[in-house]
Protein backbone atom coordinates (compact mmCIF):
# COMPACT_ATOMS: atom_id res chain seq x y z
CA MET A 1 -16.22 -5.98 181.78
CA LYS A 2 -19.50 -7.09 180.50
CA GLY A 3 -21.21 -4.17 182.22
CA ILE A 4 -18.88 -1.85 180.50
CA LEU A 5 -19.42 -3.14 177.25
CA ASP A 6 -23.21 -3.35 177.75
CA SER A 7 -23.31 0.24 178.62
CA TRP A 8 -24.05 2.99 175.73
CA GLY A 9 -24.45 6.76 176.13
CA LEU A 10 -26.99 8.27 173.58
CA ILE A 11 -26.90 11.98 173.10
CA LEU A 12 -29.81 13.95 171.82
CA ALA A 13 -28.60 16.98 169.33
CA GLY A 14 -31.27 17.19 166.96
CA GLY A 15 -32.75 20.41 168.19
CA ASP A 16 -32.75 23.87 166.48
CA GLY A 17 -32.54 25.95 169.65
CA ALA A 18 -35.07 28.50 168.12
CA ARG A 19 -35.51 30.36 171.43
CA LEU A 20 -31.82 31.46 171.51
CA ARG A 21 -31.48 32.91 168.19
CA GLU A 22 -30.65 36.38 169.61
CA VAL A 23 -27.57 34.91 171.34
CA THR A 24 -26.62 32.10 168.87
CA THR A 25 -26.73 34.17 165.62
CA THR A 26 -23.54 35.05 163.91
CA GLY A 27 -22.73 38.70 162.55
CA ASP A 28 -23.39 37.20 159.11
CA GLY A 29 -26.92 36.31 160.03
CA VAL A 30 -26.31 32.66 160.51
CA THR A 31 -28.25 31.03 163.53
CA ILE A 32 -26.19 28.08 164.85
CA PRO A 33 -28.13 25.42 167.00
CA LYS A 34 -27.04 26.05 170.57
CA GLN A 35 -25.41 22.31 170.95
CA TYR A 36 -22.73 23.64 168.44
CA CYS A 37 -22.15 26.71 170.49
CA SER A 38 -19.47 27.03 173.25
CA LEU A 39 -19.66 28.61 176.58
CA LYS A 40 -15.76 27.99 177.22
CA GLY A 41 -14.27 28.95 173.83
CA ASP A 42 -12.95 25.49 173.11
CA SER A 43 -15.47 22.47 173.06
CA CYS A 44 -18.93 23.07 172.09
CA LEU A 45 -21.88 21.66 174.16
CA LEU A 46 -22.41 18.54 172.20
CA GLN A 47 -18.55 17.70 172.67
CA ASP A 48 -18.94 18.59 176.43
CA ALA A 49 -22.25 16.22 176.41
CA ILE A 50 -20.02 13.34 174.84
CA LYS A 51 -17.50 13.89 177.80
CA ARG A 52 -20.26 13.36 180.30
CA ALA A 53 -21.44 10.25 178.39
CA GLN A 54 -17.76 8.95 178.76
CA SER A 55 -18.51 8.74 182.61
CA VAL A 56 -20.85 5.83 182.10
CA ALA A 57 -19.75 4.35 178.50
CA MET A 58 -16.48 3.78 176.51
CA PRO A 59 -15.81 6.24 173.92
CA THR A 60 -16.65 3.72 171.08
CA GLN A 61 -20.07 3.32 172.66
CA ILE A 62 -21.37 6.83 172.18
CA ALA A 63 -24.19 7.54 169.81
CA MET A 64 -25.57 10.62 168.80
CA VAL A 65 -28.85 11.48 167.19
CA VAL A 66 -28.40 14.50 164.95
CA ALA A 67 -30.52 16.64 162.27
CA ALA A 68 -29.62 16.25 158.47
CA GLN A 69 -29.89 20.01 158.21
CA HIS A 70 -27.14 20.66 160.74
CA ARG A 71 -24.63 18.76 158.92
CA ARG A 72 -22.06 21.75 158.37
CA TRP A 73 -21.81 21.76 162.34
CA TRP A 74 -21.98 18.17 163.56
CA SER A 75 -19.64 17.00 160.71
CA SER A 76 -16.80 18.96 162.26
CA ALA A 77 -18.09 18.56 165.99
CA LEU A 78 -18.01 14.79 165.67
CA ALA A 79 -15.06 14.28 163.45
CA GLN A 80 -13.31 11.91 165.96
CA CYS A 81 -16.46 9.77 166.48
CA ASN A 82 -17.59 6.51 164.90
CA GLU A 83 -19.80 7.44 161.76
CA ALA A 84 -21.68 4.49 162.18
CA HIS A 85 -23.05 5.63 165.68
CA VAL A 86 -24.16 9.11 164.21
CA PHE A 87 -27.85 8.60 163.58
CA VAL A 88 -29.04 11.22 161.36
CA GLN A 89 -32.63 12.08 161.29
CA PRO A 90 -33.93 13.42 157.86
CA GLN A 91 -36.47 15.64 159.62
CA ASN A 92 -37.40 16.63 163.12
CA ARG A 93 -40.38 14.90 164.46
CA GLY A 94 -40.27 15.38 167.99
CA THR A 95 -37.72 14.13 170.60
CA ALA A 96 -39.58 10.85 171.00
CA TYR A 97 -38.95 9.74 167.45
CA GLY A 98 -35.35 10.69 167.70
CA ILE A 99 -34.97 8.38 170.80
CA LEU A 100 -36.81 5.62 169.11
CA PHE A 101 -34.73 5.86 165.85
CA ALA A 102 -31.53 5.56 167.89
CA LEU A 103 -32.93 2.99 170.35
CA LEU A 104 -33.91 0.76 167.51
CA ARG A 105 -30.51 1.20 165.81
CA LEU A 106 -28.77 0.28 169.05
CA GLU A 107 -30.82 -2.57 169.52
CA ARG A 108 -29.55 -4.21 166.51
CA LEU A 109 -25.84 -3.62 167.78
CA ASN A 110 -26.38 -4.58 171.37
CA PRO A 111 -29.83 -5.66 172.52
CA ASN A 112 -28.77 -6.35 175.95
CA ALA A 113 -27.43 -2.80 176.39
CA THR A 114 -28.18 -0.30 179.23
CA VAL A 115 -28.47 3.31 177.64
CA THR A 116 -28.12 6.67 179.26
CA VAL A 117 -30.16 9.22 177.35
CA LEU A 118 -28.55 12.66 177.58
CA PRO A 119 -29.59 16.26 175.99
CA ALA A 120 -26.66 17.85 174.02
CA ASP A 121 -27.29 21.24 175.36
CA HIS A 122 -27.24 21.53 179.01
CA TYR A 123 -24.71 23.03 181.38
CA PHE A 124 -23.78 21.42 184.88
CA ARG A 125 -21.59 23.69 187.21
CA ASP A 126 -20.84 20.50 189.32
CA GLU A 127 -19.93 17.64 186.71
CA LYS A 128 -18.73 15.32 189.45
CA ALA A 129 -22.12 15.44 191.27
CA LEU A 130 -23.64 14.42 188.04
CA THR A 131 -21.13 11.67 187.27
CA ARG A 132 -21.73 9.92 190.66
CA ALA A 133 -25.72 9.99 190.09
CA LEU A 134 -25.10 8.72 186.32
CA ARG A 135 -23.02 5.85 187.69
CA SER A 136 -25.48 4.87 190.20
CA ALA A 137 -28.23 5.07 187.74
CA VAL A 138 -26.45 2.69 185.36
CA ASN A 139 -25.74 0.33 188.17
CA LEU A 140 -29.37 0.21 189.26
CA ALA A 141 -30.51 -0.32 185.81
CA ARG A 142 -28.08 -3.26 184.98
CA ALA A 143 -29.45 -4.69 188.51
CA THR A 144 -33.09 -4.31 187.63
CA PRO A 145 -33.35 -4.11 183.80
CA GLU A 146 -37.02 -4.02 183.81
CA ASP A 147 -36.98 -0.47 185.41
CA CYS A 148 -36.16 3.15 183.94
CA TYR A 149 -34.54 5.83 185.89
CA LEU A 150 -35.00 9.79 185.71
CA LEU A 151 -32.59 12.05 186.95
CA GLY A 152 -33.77 14.93 189.25
CA ALA A 153 -31.78 17.88 190.78
CA ASP A 154 -32.67 19.62 193.95
CA PRO A 155 -33.79 22.86 192.72
CA GLU A 156 -31.77 26.19 193.29
CA GLY A 157 -34.77 28.26 193.25
CA PRO A 158 -38.51 28.16 192.16
CA ASP A 159 -38.35 28.71 188.46
CA PRO A 160 -41.47 28.64 186.71
CA GLU A 161 -39.87 27.96 183.40
CA LEU A 162 -38.68 24.51 184.47
CA GLY A 163 -40.31 20.98 184.63
CA TYR A 164 -40.61 19.33 187.83
CA ILE A 165 -40.79 15.60 189.18
CA LEU A 166 -42.59 14.88 192.29
CA PRO A 167 -41.24 11.68 193.84
CA ALA A 168 -44.03 9.18 195.11
CA GLY A 169 -42.39 9.32 198.53
CA ARG A 170 -39.47 10.42 200.65
CA MET A 171 -36.08 9.39 199.07
CA ARG A 172 -33.94 8.96 201.89
CA GLY A 173 -31.04 8.67 199.42
CA LEU A 174 -32.60 5.80 197.35
CA PRO A 175 -34.43 5.98 193.91
CA ALA A 176 -38.23 6.63 194.49
CA GLY A 177 -41.23 5.90 192.24
CA ILE A 178 -43.00 8.87 190.53
CA ALA A 179 -46.30 10.40 191.27
CA GLY A 180 -46.30 12.87 188.48
CA PHE A 181 -44.65 15.51 186.37
CA LYS A 182 -45.48 19.52 186.71
CA GLU A 183 -44.25 21.39 183.38
CA LYS A 184 -43.73 25.28 184.06
CA PRO A 185 -45.80 25.96 187.24
CA SER A 186 -46.37 29.47 188.39
CA ALA A 187 -43.54 30.76 190.69
CA GLU A 188 -45.89 30.35 193.70
CA TYR A 189 -46.69 26.60 192.92
CA ALA A 190 -43.07 25.91 191.97
CA ARG A 191 -42.38 26.93 195.70
CA GLU A 192 -44.93 24.70 196.97
CA LEU A 193 -43.61 22.00 194.86
CA MET A 194 -40.11 22.65 196.29
CA SER A 195 -41.67 22.31 199.83
CA ILE A 196 -42.90 18.83 199.24
CA GLY A 197 -39.66 17.60 197.63
CA ALA A 198 -40.17 17.84 193.79
CA LEU A 199 -37.01 17.97 191.84
CA CYS A 200 -36.00 19.49 188.65
CA ASN A 201 -36.38 17.39 185.67
CA LEU A 202 -33.21 16.79 183.98
CA PHE A 203 -34.33 14.85 181.00
CA ILE A 204 -31.80 12.24 181.76
CA LEU A 205 -33.13 8.84 181.22
CA VAL A 206 -31.24 5.61 182.07
CA GLY A 207 -32.45 1.87 181.33
CA SER A 208 -32.09 -1.05 179.44
CA ILE A 209 -33.17 -0.88 175.66
CA SER A 210 -36.06 -3.31 176.33
CA ALA A 211 -37.48 -1.16 179.37
CA ILE A 212 -37.13 2.27 177.34
CA LEU A 213 -38.70 0.60 174.31
CA ALA A 214 -41.56 -0.81 176.51
CA LEU A 215 -42.44 2.76 177.40
CA PHE A 216 -43.05 3.39 173.70
CA GLU A 217 -44.89 0.28 173.22
CA LYS A 218 -47.42 0.80 175.86
CA THR A 219 -47.94 4.48 174.53
CA CYS A 220 -47.46 4.40 170.69
CA VAL A 221 -46.86 0.80 169.69
CA ALA A 222 -47.96 1.63 166.03
CA ALA A 223 -45.06 4.07 165.88
CA VAL A 224 -42.69 1.59 167.04
CA VAL A 225 -43.92 -1.03 164.42
CA ARG A 226 -43.48 1.56 161.66
CA MET A 227 -39.90 2.51 162.70
CA ARG A 228 -39.08 -1.02 162.72
CA LYS A 229 -40.39 -1.90 159.28
CA ALA A 230 -38.38 1.27 157.98
CA LEU A 231 -35.13 0.24 159.45
CA GLU A 232 -35.55 -3.47 158.27
CA ARG A 233 -36.28 -1.92 154.57
CA GLN A 234 -33.51 0.54 154.97
CA ALA A 235 -31.20 -2.32 155.97
CA GLN A 236 -32.15 -4.37 152.92
CA GLY A 237 -30.94 -1.41 150.65
CA ASP A 238 -33.93 0.86 150.54
CA ARG A 239 -32.33 4.27 151.05
CA GLU A 240 -35.72 6.21 150.89
CA ALA A 241 -37.31 3.93 153.65
CA ILE A 242 -36.72 6.22 156.68
CA PRO A 243 -37.14 9.77 154.76
CA ASN A 244 -40.44 8.37 153.33
CA LEU A 245 -41.29 7.51 157.16
CA TYR A 246 -40.39 10.56 158.44
CA GLN A 247 -42.41 12.52 155.80
CA SER A 248 -45.65 10.84 157.09
CA LEU A 249 -44.86 11.18 160.84
CA ALA A 250 -46.89 13.60 163.24
CA PRO A 251 -44.60 14.85 166.09
CA ILE A 252 -44.51 13.03 169.33
CA ASP A 253 -42.83 14.71 172.28
CA PHE A 254 -40.97 12.43 174.62
CA SER A 255 -41.38 14.06 177.76
CA ARG A 256 -45.14 14.90 177.33
CA ASP A 257 -46.44 12.11 175.31
CA ILE A 258 -44.36 9.21 176.75
CA LEU A 259 -42.65 9.87 180.12
CA GLU A 260 -45.60 11.94 181.45
CA VAL A 261 -48.11 9.34 180.38
CA GLN A 262 -45.78 6.45 181.91
CA ALA A 263 -44.95 8.28 185.03
CA THR A 264 -45.94 5.66 187.55
CA GLN A 265 -43.74 2.98 185.59
CA LEU A 266 -40.53 5.18 186.21
CA ARG A 267 -38.29 5.78 189.12
CA VAL A 268 -36.44 9.05 190.12
CA ILE A 269 -32.63 9.26 191.26
CA ARG A 270 -32.00 12.63 193.15
CA VAL A 271 -28.80 14.68 192.25
CA PRO A 272 -27.90 17.20 194.87
CA ARG A 273 -27.73 20.74 193.80
CA CYS A 274 -25.08 20.69 190.62
CA GLY A 275 -25.56 24.01 188.98
CA TRP A 276 -27.79 22.45 186.22
CA THR A 277 -29.30 24.59 183.55
CA ASP A 278 -31.04 23.68 180.28
CA LEU A 279 -29.73 27.00 178.73
CA GLY A 280 -33.35 27.38 177.35
CA THR A 281 -33.25 31.01 177.30
CA PRO A 282 -31.11 34.15 176.61
CA LYS A 283 -31.61 35.07 180.37
CA ARG A 284 -30.20 31.64 181.57
CA VAL A 285 -27.27 31.66 179.13
CA GLU A 286 -26.30 35.18 180.31
CA ALA A 287 -26.44 34.01 183.97
CA VAL A 288 -24.21 31.16 183.11
CA VAL A 289 -21.70 33.22 181.36
CA ARG A 290 -21.60 35.98 184.19
CA ARG A 291 -20.93 33.32 186.63
CA MET A 292 -18.25 31.62 184.59
CA ALA A 293 -16.48 34.93 183.51
CA ALA A 294 -16.60 35.85 187.28
CA GLU A 295 -14.99 32.28 188.31
CA MET A 296 -12.72 31.83 185.71
CA GLY A 297 -11.05 35.33 185.45
CA ALA A 298 -9.96 37.45 182.68
CA GLY A 299 -8.60 35.60 179.50
CA ALA A 300 -10.05 32.34 180.37
CA VAL A 301 -12.61 32.74 177.29
CA ALA A 302 -11.66 32.78 173.71
CA THR A 303 -12.00 36.14 171.84
CA GLU A 304 -13.05 34.52 168.69
CA PRO A 305 -16.28 32.75 169.20
CA PRO A 306 -18.26 30.39 166.99
CA SER A 307 -21.33 32.14 168.19
CA ARG A 308 -22.59 35.00 170.45
CA PHE A 309 -22.41 32.64 173.44
CA LEU A 310 -18.88 33.74 173.67
CA ASP A 311 -19.64 37.29 172.67
CA LEU A 312 -21.75 37.41 175.96
CA SER A 313 -19.06 35.82 177.89
CA ALA A 314 -16.54 38.41 176.90
CA ARG A 315 -19.13 41.32 177.63
CA TYR A 316 -19.66 40.05 181.03
CA GLN A 317 -16.32 39.07 181.78
CA ALA A 318 -15.42 43.01 180.97
CA THR A 319 -18.34 43.96 183.37
CA CYS A 320 -18.06 41.73 186.65
């Protein structure tokens, strides 16, 4: 029981999804961040990520990082969630600050927690394969609270638009150290990486709060100190402490500025091919909705979508 109570899911939902404007802009010209769009006509991607997180944490222990300017969407999408666990960033200053902001908030609630950090805007065709890997990672993180685990999936093909993790040795079904990362290699280099066992980086991180914070402290300790002080001032009643801090921050990217720098301090867990995509380009969105339309059949997708994700689904459903 203690293990369940010490497990939290943390969902990153603060991005603008600018690269998908052409498929997430309504007829009225409103661009909807992709995490608030739906592929199936019911739940949005953020709500799908919440269900994903519930495979390793109780519903009461799911936290979200959202953006203040997206309130019109998350206030509805998260209506059933604990408002105290919806961490609102006043501005976007990069993924690292979003994670740090949330971790320090969670540290106040449960300093010994194991945290699973999940993007809000990804798609998995085989959720069961992911769930098995998530549960394995959480169990390992509980047993070795000094370690952080990244999830990497077997590539489905050489994709030059993805990031790759190079394990430090043969995995043989076990976690391995990480020799390095490669972002967006050429197609030829991606094939070479696949041939030596590289995995697609799912951007899912599991570890104790202390272990993940240690990555920050080794790389940008000043940022940790400033965020802690601002949260302390906020707790004492200073409502402007966090907004003022964010005004002065230079963006930090968690993957590039934290994980890549600390690569040798991380371990990777392999996820078998699971139909993962980060839905990062219109081309990938179209590929997913084509497949879903073909697999689910006519009538499976709603006809009044909140965004053009579903317009695409309807279009390809008619042509497949």
